[in-house]
Amino acid sequence: QNQMAESGSAGAGGRGFGRGGDRGGRGRGGDRGRGRGRGRGRPRRTKEDEVTTGWTPVTKLGRLVKEQKIASLEEIYLFSLPIKEFQIIDWFLGTKLKDEVMKIKPVQKQTRAGQRTRFKAYVVVGDSDGHLGLGVKCSAEVATAIRGAIIVAKLSVVPVRRGYWGSNMGKPHTVPIKVTGKCGSVTVRLVPAPRGTGLVAAPAPKKLLQYAGVSDVYSSSSGSTKTLGNFVKATFQAIAHTYGYLTPDLWDDYKLTRTPYQVHSDFLVAYGKGAKRRRQEDDRR
């Protein structure tokens, strides 16, 4: 073997078998001390930098968020304002938001020329601290489907209410009440569990509950749960229902306040006039 290696290196003009060998610093590698990787050129921008510098809001809500007129996502949920830009979620949750592909399956459509195959991706996003989203996207390529599903999942992020089983000591750890979700023939029921029980659920709903920040729960499911798409949709619907019930601890009288659009109406009007003026200047150029 040593003879083969020596003869191979001699036959290659002392360059060895791999890239870079002893080529005097030419090509990839060599003796330059660094390759054509990330160590050269300007530093890579972080996710926050991309959100703050490369994002031009096109909705009123996006403009208020970028100008820091809205402090948190909860303020948006309080007034049920629709989120049309996924960068709003990135702005508030940023690197805390994790995503995972739950399933990719091919779907076909019969045409005169034959069958057209596309790929359907199911992606779940969450910060393991009370925010969860589920996205479904179909595309001709797997990477495009996953990318689109992540955006749809961010746009569908909902707040997750957590509660206690028994005494309310420590942080909330389970669902506050029994909740049910249904999609197709699949029905998923989540039941509060004592602290330390863990997630008593199948792998698919367990992943969603982990991303939602729930640590203890009992679950019951029926129907064709092998249809994973419907299974995760039913689980997501059940988790989203946690804020849909008015429990006694929410009976307090809350004073009705103005929406962010009303509070910052002067800013939005000025922003709109400024944008119109900038467009007119661009047209003159």
C-alpha atoms as a PDB file:
ATOM      1  CA  GLN A   1       0.000   0.000   0.000  1.00  0.00           C
ATOM      2  CA  ASN A   2       2.859   2.390   0.822  1.00  0.00           C
ATOM      3  CA  GLN A   3       4.443   1.641  -2.564  1.00  0.00           C
ATOM      4  CA  MET A   4       1.130   2.397  -4.290  1.00  0.00           C
ATOM      5  CA  ALA A   5       0.811   5.694  -2.460  1.00  0.00           C
ATOM      6  CA  GLU A   6       4.386   6.679  -3.332  1.00  0.00           C
ATOM      7  CA  SER A   7       3.958   5.753  -6.974  1.00  0.00           C
ATOM      8  CA  GLY A   8       0.608   7.598  -7.103  1.00  0.00           C
ATOM      9  CA  SER A   9       2.098  10.761  -5.661  1.00  0.00           C
ATOM     10  CA  ALA A  10       5.062  10.553  -8.022  1.00  0.00           C
ATOM     11  CA  GLY A  11       2.781  10.043 -11.009  1.00  0.00           C
ATOM     12  CA  ALA A  12       0.769  13.082 -10.041  1.00  0.00           C
ATOM     13  CA  GLY A  13       3.824  15.322  -9.967  1.00  0.00           C
ATOM     14  CA  GLY A  14       4.100  15.402  -6.178  1.00  0.00           C
ATOM     15  CA  ARG A  15       0.547  16.684  -5.747  1.00  0.00           C
ATOM     16  CA  GLY A  16      -0.906  13.664  -3.961  1.00  0.00           C
ATOM     17  CA  PHE A  17      -4.315  12.187  -4.657  1.00  0.00           C
ATOM     18  CA  GLY A  18      -6.553  14.862  -3.108  1.00  0.00           C
ATOM     19  CA  ARG A  19      -7.303  18.461  -3.961  1.00  0.00           C
ATOM     20  CA  GLY A  20      -4.798  20.981  -2.886  1.00  0.00           C
ATOM     21  CA  GLY A  21      -1.860  18.640  -2.105  1.00  0.00           C
ATOM     22  CA  ASP A  22       1.450  20.499  -2.691  1.00  0.00           C
ATOM     23  CA  ARG A  23       0.498  22.670  -5.637  1.00  0.00           C
ATOM     24  CA  GLY A  24       2.236  25.760  -4.420  1.00  0.00           C
ATOM     25  CA  GLY A  25      -0.932  27.444  -3.236  1.00  0.00           C
ATOM     26  CA  ARG A  26      -2.862  27.079  -6.500  1.00  0.00           C
ATOM     27  CA  GLY A  27      -6.458  25.875  -6.651  1.00  0.00           C
ATOM     28  CA  ARG A  28      -8.541  24.849  -3.696  1.00  0.00           C
ATOM     29  CA  GLY A  29      -6.704  24.327  -0.452  1.00  0.00           C
ATOM     30  CA  GLY A  30      -2.964  24.279  -1.123  1.00  0.00           C
ATOM     31  CA  ASP A  31      -0.739  25.892   1.454  1.00  0.00           C
ATOM     32  CA  ARG A  32      -2.702  29.138   1.653  1.00  0.00           C
ATOM     33  CA  GLY A  33      -3.956  28.351   5.135  1.00  0.00           C
ATOM     34  CA  ARG A  34      -7.608  28.793   4.181  1.00  0.00           C
ATOM     35  CA  GLY A  35      -9.951  27.539   1.495  1.00  0.00           C
ATOM     36  CA  ARG A  36     -12.781  29.157  -0.422  1.00  0.00           C
ATOM     37  CA  GLY A  37     -15.087  28.817   2.541  1.00  0.00           C
ATOM     38  CA  ARG A  38     -16.744  31.208   4.964  1.00  0.00           C
ATOM     39  CA  GLY A  39     -13.483  32.566   6.336  1.00  0.00           C
ATOM     40  CA  ARG A  40     -13.004  34.998   3.492  1.00  0.00           C
ATOM     41  CA  GLY A  41     -14.831  38.084   2.340  1.00  0.00           C
ATOM     42  CA  ARG A  42     -17.254  40.110   4.417  1.00  0.00           C
ATOM     43  CA  PRO A  43     -18.802  38.445   7.508  1.00  0.00           C
ATOM     44  CA  ARG A  44     -22.130  36.688   7.127  1.00  0.00           C
ATOM     45  CA  ARG A  45     -25.181  38.629   8.255  1.00  0.00           C
ATOM     46  CA  THR A  46     -27.173  37.281  11.149  1.00  0.00           C
ATOM     47  CA  LYS A  47     -30.879  36.579  10.974  1.00  0.00           C
ATOM     48  CA  GLU A  48     -31.674  39.763  12.914  1.00  0.00           C
ATOM     49  CA  ASP A  49     -29.597  41.843  10.495  1.00  0.00           C
ATOM     50  CA  GLU A  50     -31.477  40.413   7.522  1.00  0.00           C
ATOM     51  CA  VAL A  51     -34.822  41.192   9.155  1.00  0.00           C
ATOM     52  CA  THR A  52     -33.884  44.756  10.087  1.00  0.00           C
ATOM     53  CA  THR A  53     -31.974  45.769   6.949  1.00  0.00           C
ATOM     54  CA  GLY A  54     -33.475  43.736   4.112  1.00  0.00           C
ATOM     55  CA  TRP A  55     -37.136  44.027   5.043  1.00  0.00           C
ATOM     56  CA  THR A  56     -39.349  46.740   3.584  1.00  0.00           C
ATOM     57  CA  PRO A  57     -42.796  46.460   5.214  1.00  0.00           C
ATOM     58  CA  VAL A  58     -45.821  46.611   2.918  1.00  0.00           C
ATOM     59  CA  THR A  59     -48.571  46.508   5.566  1.00  0.00           C
ATOM     60  CA  LYS A  60     -49.544  48.927   8.330  1.00  0.00           C
ATOM     61  CA  LEU A  61     -48.743  46.329  10.960  1.00  0.00           C
ATOM     62  CA  GLY A  62     -45.308  45.687   9.465  1.00  0.00           C
ATOM     63  CA  ARG A  63     -44.506  49.413   9.488  1.00  0.00           C
ATOM     64  CA  LEU A  64     -45.518  49.731  13.133  1.00  0.00           C
ATOM     65  CA  VAL A  65     -43.421  46.690  14.069  1.00  0.00           C
ATOM     66  CA  LYS A  66     -40.300  47.865  12.250  1.00  0.00           C
ATOM     67  CA  GLU A  67     -40.575  51.327  13.809  1.00  0.00           C
ATOM     68  CA  GLN A  68     -40.902  49.596  17.221  1.00  0.00           C
ATOM     69  CA  LYS A  69     -44.348  51.025  17.894  1.00  0.00           C
ATOM     70  CA  ILE A  70     -45.545  47.532  18.916  1.00  0.00           C
ATOM     71  CA  ALA A  71     -43.697  45.913  21.789  1.00  0.00           C
ATOM     72  CA  SER A  72     -44.687  42.237  21.558  1.00  0.00           C
ATOM     73  CA  LEU A  73     -46.652  39.614  19.673  1.00  0.00           C
ATOM     74  CA  GLU A  74     -49.191  39.500  22.504  1.00  0.00           C
ATOM     75  CA  GLU A  75     -50.213  43.064  21.656  1.00  0.00           C
ATOM     76  CA  ILE A  76     -51.018  41.884  18.119  1.00  0.00           C
ATOM     77  CA  TYR A  77     -52.973  38.859  19.375  1.00  0.00           C
ATOM     78  CA  LEU A  78     -54.893  41.016  21.869  1.00  0.00           C
ATOM     79  CA  PHE A  79     -56.528  42.979  19.033  1.00  0.00           C
ATOM     80  CA  SER A  80     -56.705  40.001  16.605  1.00  0.00           C
ATOM     81  CA  LEU A  81     -54.687  41.850  13.971  1.00  0.00           C
ATOM     82  CA  PRO A  82     -53.992  39.682  10.897  1.00  0.00           C
ATOM     83  CA  ILE A  83     -50.292  39.029  10.243  1.00  0.00           C
ATOM     84  CA  LYS A  84     -49.542  39.100   6.501  1.00  0.00           C
ATOM     85  CA  GLU A  85     -45.720  39.289   6.647  1.00  0.00           C
ATOM     86  CA  PHE A  86     -43.638  36.465   8.104  1.00  0.00           C
ATOM     87  CA  GLN A  87     -40.855  38.934   8.970  1.00  0.00           C
ATOM     88  CA  ILE A  88     -43.061  40.177  11.826  1.00  0.00           C
ATOM     89  CA  ILE A  89     -42.723  36.763  13.496  1.00  0.00           C
ATOM     90  CA  ASP A  90     -38.960  36.764  12.836  1.00  0.00           C
ATOM     91  CA  TRP A  91     -38.730  40.232  14.377  1.00  0.00           C
ATOM     92  CA  PHE A  92     -40.247  39.183  17.704  1.00  0.00           C
ATOM     93  CA  LEU A  93     -39.147  35.547  18.022  1.00  0.00           C
ATOM     94  CA  GLY A  94     -35.946  35.604  15.953  1.00  0.00           C
ATOM     95  CA  THR A  95     -33.505  32.813  16.719  1.00  0.00           C
ATOM     96  CA  LYS A  96     -35.791  31.301  19.376  1.00  0.00           C
ATOM     97  CA  LEU A  97     -38.074  29.998  16.618  1.00  0.00           C
ATOM     98  CA  LYS A  98     -37.190  26.452  15.529  1.00  0.00           C
ATOM     99  CA  ASP A  99     -38.680  24.558  12.603  1.00  0.00           C
ATOM    100  CA  GLU A 100     -38.941  20.898  11.697  1.00  0.00           C
ATOM    101  CA  VAL A 101     -40.235  19.078   8.635  1.00  0.00           C
ATOM    102  CA  MET A 102     -42.902  16.617   9.755  1.00  0.00           C
ATOM    103  CA  LYS A 103     -43.611  14.956   6.411  1.00  0.00           C
ATOM    104  CA  ILE A 104     -42.933  15.261   2.685  1.00  0.00           C
ATOM    105  CA  LYS A 105     -45.138  13.325   0.325  1.00  0.00           C
ATOM    106  CA  PRO A 106     -45.580  13.290  -3.465  1.00  0.00           C
ATOM    107  CA  VAL A 107     -48.972  14.216  -4.887  1.00  0.00           C
ATOM    108  CA  GLN A 108     -50.022  13.708  -8.501  1.00  0.00           C
ATOM    109  CA  LYS A 109     -52.391  15.336 -10.913  1.00  0.00           C
ATOM    110  CA  GLN A 110     -53.603  13.578 -14.065  1.00  0.00           C
ATOM    111  CA  THR A 111     -53.178  15.680 -17.210  1.00  0.00           C
ATOM    112  CA  ARG A 112     -53.490  14.977 -20.951  1.00  0.00           C
ATOM    113  CA  ALA A 113     -49.703  14.666 -21.165  1.00  0.00           C
ATOM    114  CA  GLY A 114     -49.591  12.187 -18.279  1.00  0.00           C
ATOM    115  CA  GLN A 115     -49.110  12.678 -14.567  1.00  0.00           C
ATOM    116  CA  ARG A 116     -47.709  15.815 -12.965  1.00  0.00           C
ATOM    117  CA  THR A 117     -45.932  15.056  -9.677  1.00  0.00           C
ATOM    118  CA  ARG A 118     -45.434  17.689  -7.012  1.00  0.00           C
ATOM    119  CA  PHE A 119     -44.269  17.511  -3.396  1.00  0.00           C
ATOM    120  CA  LYS A 120     -46.277  18.483  -0.339  1.00  0.00           C
ATOM    121  CA  ALA A 121     -44.415  19.517   2.819  1.00  0.00           C
ATOM    122  CA  TYR A 122     -45.714  19.753   6.390  1.00  0.00           C
ATOM    123  CA  VAL A 123     -43.571  21.980   8.622  1.00  0.00           C
ATOM    124  CA  VAL A 124     -44.040  22.918  12.280  1.00  0.00           C
ATOM    125  CA  VAL A 125     -42.409  25.980  13.888  1.00  0.00           C
ATOM    126  CA  GLY A 126     -42.312  26.967  17.550  1.00  0.00           C
ATOM    127  CA  ASP A 127     -40.211  28.529  20.276  1.00  0.00           C
ATOM    128  CA  SER A 128     -41.038  25.989  23.034  1.00  0.00           C
ATOM    129  CA  ASP A 129     -42.452  28.897  25.024  1.00  0.00           C
ATOM    130  CA  GLY A 130     -46.070  29.386  24.049  1.00  0.00           C
ATOM    131  CA  HIS A 131     -45.953  29.965  20.272  1.00  0.00           C
ATOM    132  CA  LEU A 132     -46.699  27.338  17.632  1.00  0.00           C
ATOM    133  CA  GLY A 133     -47.343  27.354  13.890  1.00  0.00           C
ATOM    134  CA  LEU A 134     -48.079  24.737  11.234  1.00  0.00           C
ATOM    135  CA  GLY A 135     -47.575  25.212   7.496  1.00  0.00           C
ATOM    136  CA  VAL A 136     -48.444  23.103   4.457  1.00  0.00           C
ATOM    137  CA  LYS A 137     -47.096  23.888   0.996  1.00  0.00           C
ATOM    138  CA  CYS A 138     -47.061  22.084  -2.353  1.00  0.00           C
ATOM    139  CA  SER A 139     -44.401  22.702  -5.005  1.00  0.00           C
ATOM    140  CA  ALA A 140     -42.614  21.050  -7.915  1.00  0.00           C
ATOM    141  CA  GLU A 141     -39.390  20.860  -5.906  1.00  0.00           C
ATOM    142  CA  VAL A 142     -38.854  19.622  -2.356  1.00  0.00           C
ATOM    143  CA  ALA A 143     -36.681  22.563  -1.283  1.00  0.00           C
ATOM    144  CA  THR A 144     -39.219  25.100  -2.582  1.00  0.00           C
ATOM    145  CA  ALA A 145     -42.056  23.273  -0.812  1.00  0.00           C
ATOM    146  CA  ILE A 146     -40.180  23.284   2.503  1.00  0.00           C
ATOM    147  CA  ARG A 147     -39.278  26.960   2.148  1.00  0.00           C
ATOM    148  CA  GLY A 148     -42.886  27.887   1.388  1.00  0.00           C
ATOM    149  CA  ALA A 149     -44.210  25.724   4.235  1.00  0.00           C
ATOM    150  CA  ILE A 150     -41.911  27.500   6.716  1.00  0.00           C
ATOM    151  CA  ILE A 151     -43.314  30.875   5.621  1.00  0.00           C
ATOM    152  CA  VAL A 152     -46.914  29.618   5.879  1.00  0.00           C
ATOM    153  CA  ALA A 153     -46.146  28.171   9.330  1.00  0.00           C
ATOM    154  CA  LYS A 154     -44.772  31.512  10.546  1.00  0.00           C
ATOM    155  CA  LEU A 155     -47.864  33.318   9.283  1.00  0.00           C
ATOM    156  CA  SER A 156     -50.063  30.844  11.189  1.00  0.00           C
ATOM    157  CA  VAL A 157     -48.251  31.134  14.541  1.00  0.00           C
ATOM    158  CA  VAL A 158     -50.774  31.152  17.393  1.00  0.00           C
ATOM    159  CA  PRO A 159     -50.368  31.709  21.143  1.00  0.00           C
ATOM    160  CA  VAL A 160     -50.563  28.582  23.302  1.00  0.00           C
ATOM    161  CA  ARG A 161     -52.178  28.882  26.714  1.00  0.00           C
ATOM    162  CA  ARG A 162     -50.672  26.674  29.401  1.00  0.00           C
ATOM    163  CA  GLY A 163     -52.025  25.868  32.833  1.00  0.00           C
ATOM    164  CA  TYR A 164     -51.780  23.604  35.862  1.00  0.00           C
ATOM    165  CA  TRP A 165     -52.997  20.244  37.068  1.00  0.00           C
ATOM    166  CA  GLY A 166     -53.946  20.641  40.721  1.00  0.00           C
ATOM    167  CA  SER A 167     -52.085  23.353  42.621  1.00  0.00           C
ATOM    168  CA  ASN A 168     -50.699  26.332  40.744  1.00  0.00           C
ATOM    169  CA  MET A 169     -47.156  26.110  42.055  1.00  0.00           C
ATOM    170  CA  GLY A 170     -44.255  26.857  39.758  1.00  0.00           C
ATOM    171  CA  LYS A 171     -44.574  27.607  36.058  1.00  0.00           C
ATOM    172  CA  PRO A 172     -47.505  26.389  33.913  1.00  0.00           C
ATOM    173  CA  HIS A 173     -46.706  22.932  32.583  1.00  0.00           C
ATOM    174  CA  THR A 174     -49.804  21.422  30.925  1.00  0.00           C
ATOM    175  CA  VAL A 175     -52.904  22.389  28.963  1.00  0.00           C
ATOM    176  CA  PRO A 176     -55.374  24.371  31.124  1.00  0.00           C
ATOM    177  CA  ILE A 177     -58.461  22.337  30.107  1.00  0.00           C
ATOM    178  CA  LYS A 178     -59.457  19.357  28.006  1.00  0.00           C
ATOM    179  CA  VAL A 179     -59.289  20.396  24.337  1.00  0.00           C
ATOM    180  CA  THR A 180     -60.188  18.584  21.127  1.00  0.00           C
ATOM    181  CA  GLY A 181     -59.158  19.032  17.499  1.00  0.00           C
ATOM    182  CA  LYS A 182     -60.450  17.314  14.377  1.00  0.00           C
ATOM    183  CA  CYS A 183     -59.259  17.041  10.779  1.00  0.00           C
ATOM    184  CA  GLY A 184     -60.715  14.506   8.375  1.00  0.00           C
ATOM    185  CA  SER A 185     -61.412  11.344  10.326  1.00  0.00           C
ATOM    186  CA  VAL A 186     -58.718  12.079  12.915  1.00  0.00           C
ATOM    187  CA  THR A 187     -59.771  13.369  16.328  1.00  0.00           C
ATOM    188  CA  VAL A 188     -57.184  14.351  18.946  1.00  0.00           C
ATOM    189  CA  ARG A 189     -58.033  15.059  22.590  1.00  0.00           C
ATOM    190  CA  LEU A 190     -55.577  16.583  25.042  1.00  0.00           C
ATOM    191  CA  VAL A 191     -56.121  16.164  28.777  1.00  0.00           C
ATOM    192  CA  PRO A 192     -54.240  17.959  31.601  1.00  0.00           C
ATOM    193  CA  ALA A 193     -51.713  15.762  33.412  1.00  0.00           C
ATOM    194  CA  PRO A 194     -49.826  16.000  36.743  1.00  0.00           C
ATOM    195  CA  ARG A 195     -46.356  17.502  36.778  1.00  0.00           C
ATOM    196  CA  GLY A 196     -43.740  14.912  35.840  1.00  0.00           C
ATOM    197  CA  THR A 197     -46.051  12.802  33.684  1.00  0.00           C
ATOM    198  CA  GLY A 198     -44.400  13.815  30.422  1.00  0.00           C
ATOM    199  CA  LEU A 199     -46.032  13.827  26.999  1.00  0.00           C
ATOM    200  CA  VAL A 200     -48.178  10.712  26.715  1.00  0.00           C
ATOM    201  CA  ALA A 201     -48.764  10.958  22.971  1.00  0.00           C
ATOM    202  CA  ALA A 202     -47.740   9.536  19.602  1.00  0.00           C
ATOM    203  CA  PRO A 203     -44.509  10.844  17.997  1.00  0.00           C
ATOM    204  CA  ALA A 204     -46.270  13.368  15.704  1.00  0.00           C
ATOM    205  CA  PRO A 205     -48.389  15.183  18.343  1.00  0.00           C
ATOM    206  CA  LYS A 206     -45.544  14.899  20.849  1.00  0.00           C
ATOM    207  CA  LYS A 207     -43.324  16.963  18.538  1.00  0.00           C
ATOM    208  CA  LEU A 208     -45.979  19.694  18.250  1.00  0.00           C
ATOM    209  CA  LEU A 209     -46.481  19.765  22.025  1.00  0.00           C
ATOM    210  CA  GLN A 210     -42.729  20.091  22.592  1.00  0.00           C
ATOM    211  CA  TYR A 211     -42.544  23.049  20.193  1.00  0.00           C
ATOM    212  CA  ALA A 212     -45.545  24.608  21.954  1.00  0.00           C
ATOM    213  CA  GLY A 213     -43.834  24.438  25.353  1.00  0.00           C
ATOM    214  CA  VAL A 214     -46.191  21.909  26.976  1.00  0.00           C
ATOM    215  CA  SER A 215     -44.339  19.394  29.154  1.00  0.00           C
ATOM    216  CA  ASP A 216     -47.116  17.216  30.676  1.00  0.00           C
ATOM    217  CA  VAL A 217     -50.268  15.990  28.931  1.00  0.00           C
ATOM    218  CA  TYR A 218     -52.399  12.914  28.347  1.00  0.00           C
ATOM    219  CA  SER A 219     -53.723  12.404  24.810  1.00  0.00           C
ATOM    220  CA  SER A 220     -56.371  10.332  23.098  1.00  0.00           C
ATOM    221  CA  SER A 221     -56.768   9.935  19.344  1.00  0.00           C
ATOM    222  CA  SER A 222     -59.136   8.130  17.011  1.00  0.00           C
ATOM    223  CA  GLY A 223     -59.589   7.753  13.292  1.00  0.00           C
ATOM    224  CA  SER A 224     -56.981   7.150  10.600  1.00  0.00           C
ATOM    225  CA  THR A 225     -54.002   8.500  12.512  1.00  0.00           C
ATOM    226  CA  LYS A 226     -51.598   6.958   9.988  1.00  0.00           C
ATOM    227  CA  THR A 227     -52.582   9.910   7.768  1.00  0.00           C
ATOM    228  CA  LEU A 228     -49.911  12.064   9.358  1.00  0.00           C
ATOM    229  CA  GLY A 229     -51.011  15.267   7.647  1.00  0.00           C
ATOM    230  CA  ASN A 230     -54.470  15.131   9.231  1.00  0.00           C
ATOM    231  CA  PHE A 231     -52.948  13.958  12.525  1.00  0.00           C
ATOM    232  CA  VAL A 232     -50.729  17.027  12.916  1.00  0.00           C
ATOM    233  CA  LYS A 233     -53.517  19.352  11.722  1.00  0.00           C
ATOM    234  CA  ALA A 234     -55.915  17.958  14.341  1.00  0.00           C
ATOM    235  CA  THR A 235     -53.261  18.311  17.055  1.00  0.00           C
ATOM    236  CA  PHE A 236     -52.506  21.898  16.009  1.00  0.00           C
ATOM    237  CA  GLN A 237     -56.218  22.718  16.089  1.00  0.00           C
ATOM    238  CA  ALA A 238     -56.543  21.262  19.592  1.00  0.00           C
ATOM    239  CA  ILE A 239     -53.538  23.253  20.865  1.00  0.00           C
ATOM    240  CA  ALA A 240     -54.910  26.446  19.276  1.00  0.00           C
ATOM    241  CA  HIS A 241     -58.212  25.915  21.119  1.00  0.00           C
ATOM    242  CA  THR A 242     -56.520  26.482  24.492  1.00  0.00           C
ATOM    243  CA  TYR A 243     -57.234  30.228  24.192  1.00  0.00           C
ATOM    244  CA  GLY A 244     -60.741  29.625  22.825  1.00  0.00           C
ATOM    245  CA  TYR A 245     -62.412  28.866  26.158  1.00  0.00           C
ATOM    246  CA  LEU A 246     -63.401  31.469  28.731  1.00  0.00           C
ATOM    247  CA  THR A 247     -62.404  30.020  32.100  1.00  0.00           C
ATOM    248  CA  PRO A 248     -63.159  31.660  35.479  1.00  0.00           C
ATOM    249  CA  ASP A 249     -59.661  33.152  35.756  1.00  0.00           C
ATOM    250  CA  LEU A 250     -60.432  35.175  32.621  1.00  0.00           C
ATOM    251  CA  TRP A 251     -63.671  36.661  33.979  1.00  0.00           C
ATOM    252  CA  ASP A 252     -61.978  39.875  35.115  1.00  0.00           C
ATOM    253  CA  ASP A 253     -63.259  43.111  33.624  1.00  0.00           C
ATOM    254  CA  TYR A 254     -60.759  44.426  31.102  1.00  0.00           C
ATOM    255  CA  LYS A 255     -60.935  48.004  29.948  1.00  0.00           C
ATOM    256  CA  LEU A 256     -61.303  48.319  26.182  1.00  0.00           C
ATOM    257  CA  THR A 257     -58.342  50.179  24.714  1.00  0.00           C
ATOM    258  CA  ARG A 258     -57.628  51.565  21.279  1.00  0.00           C
ATOM    259  CA  THR A 259     -55.989  49.390  18.628  1.00  0.00           C
ATOM    260  CA  PRO A 260     -52.401  50.137  17.546  1.00  0.00           C
ATOM    261  CA  TYR A 261     -53.761  51.466  14.240  1.00  0.00           C
ATOM    262  CA  GLN A 262     -55.767  54.098  16.127  1.00  0.00           C
ATOM    263  CA  VAL A 263     -53.003  54.952  18.590  1.00  0.00           C
ATOM    264  CA  HIS A 264     -50.401  55.473  15.849  1.00  0.00           C
ATOM    265  CA  SER A 265     -52.699  56.821  13.128  1.00  0.00           C
ATOM    266  CA  ASP A 266     -50.652  60.041  12.776  1.00  0.00           C
ATOM    267  CA  PHE A 267     -47.478  58.044  12.160  1.00  0.00           C
ATOM    268  CA  LEU A 268     -49.165  55.843   9.540  1.00  0.00           C
ATOM    269  CA  VAL A 269     -50.553  58.882   7.694  1.00  0.00           C
ATOM    270  CA  ALA A 270     -47.126  60.571   7.683  1.00  0.00           C
ATOM    271  CA  TYR A 271     -45.462  57.336   6.567  1.00  0.00           C
ATOM    272  CA  GLY A 272     -47.953  57.006   3.703  1.00  0.00           C
ATOM    273  CA  LYS A 273     -47.366  60.583   2.546  1.00  0.00           C
ATOM    274  CA  GLY A 274     -43.603  60.055   2.703  1.00  0.00           C
ATOM    275  CA  ALA A 275     -43.852  56.873   0.645  1.00  0.00           C
ATOM    276  CA  LYS A 276     -46.002  58.639  -1.944  1.00  0.00           C
ATOM    277  CA  ARG A 277     -43.471  61.475  -2.174  1.00  0.00           C
ATOM    278  CA  ARG A 278     -40.605  59.009  -2.589  1.00  0.00           C
ATOM    279  CA  ARG A 279     -42.459  57.250  -5.407  1.00  0.00           C
ATOM    280  CA  GLN A 280     -43.040  60.538  -7.200  1.00  0.00           C
ATOM    281  CA  GLU A 281     -39.338  61.404  -6.921  1.00  0.00           C
ATOM    282  CA  ASP A 282     -38.390  58.008  -8.330  1.00  0.00           C
ATOM    283  CA  ASP A 283     -40.787  58.534 -11.248  1.00  0.00           C
ATOM    284  CA  ARG A 284     -39.170  61.901 -12.043  1.00  0.00           C
ATOM    285  CA  ARG A 285     -35.743  60.279 -12.135  1.00  0.00           C
END
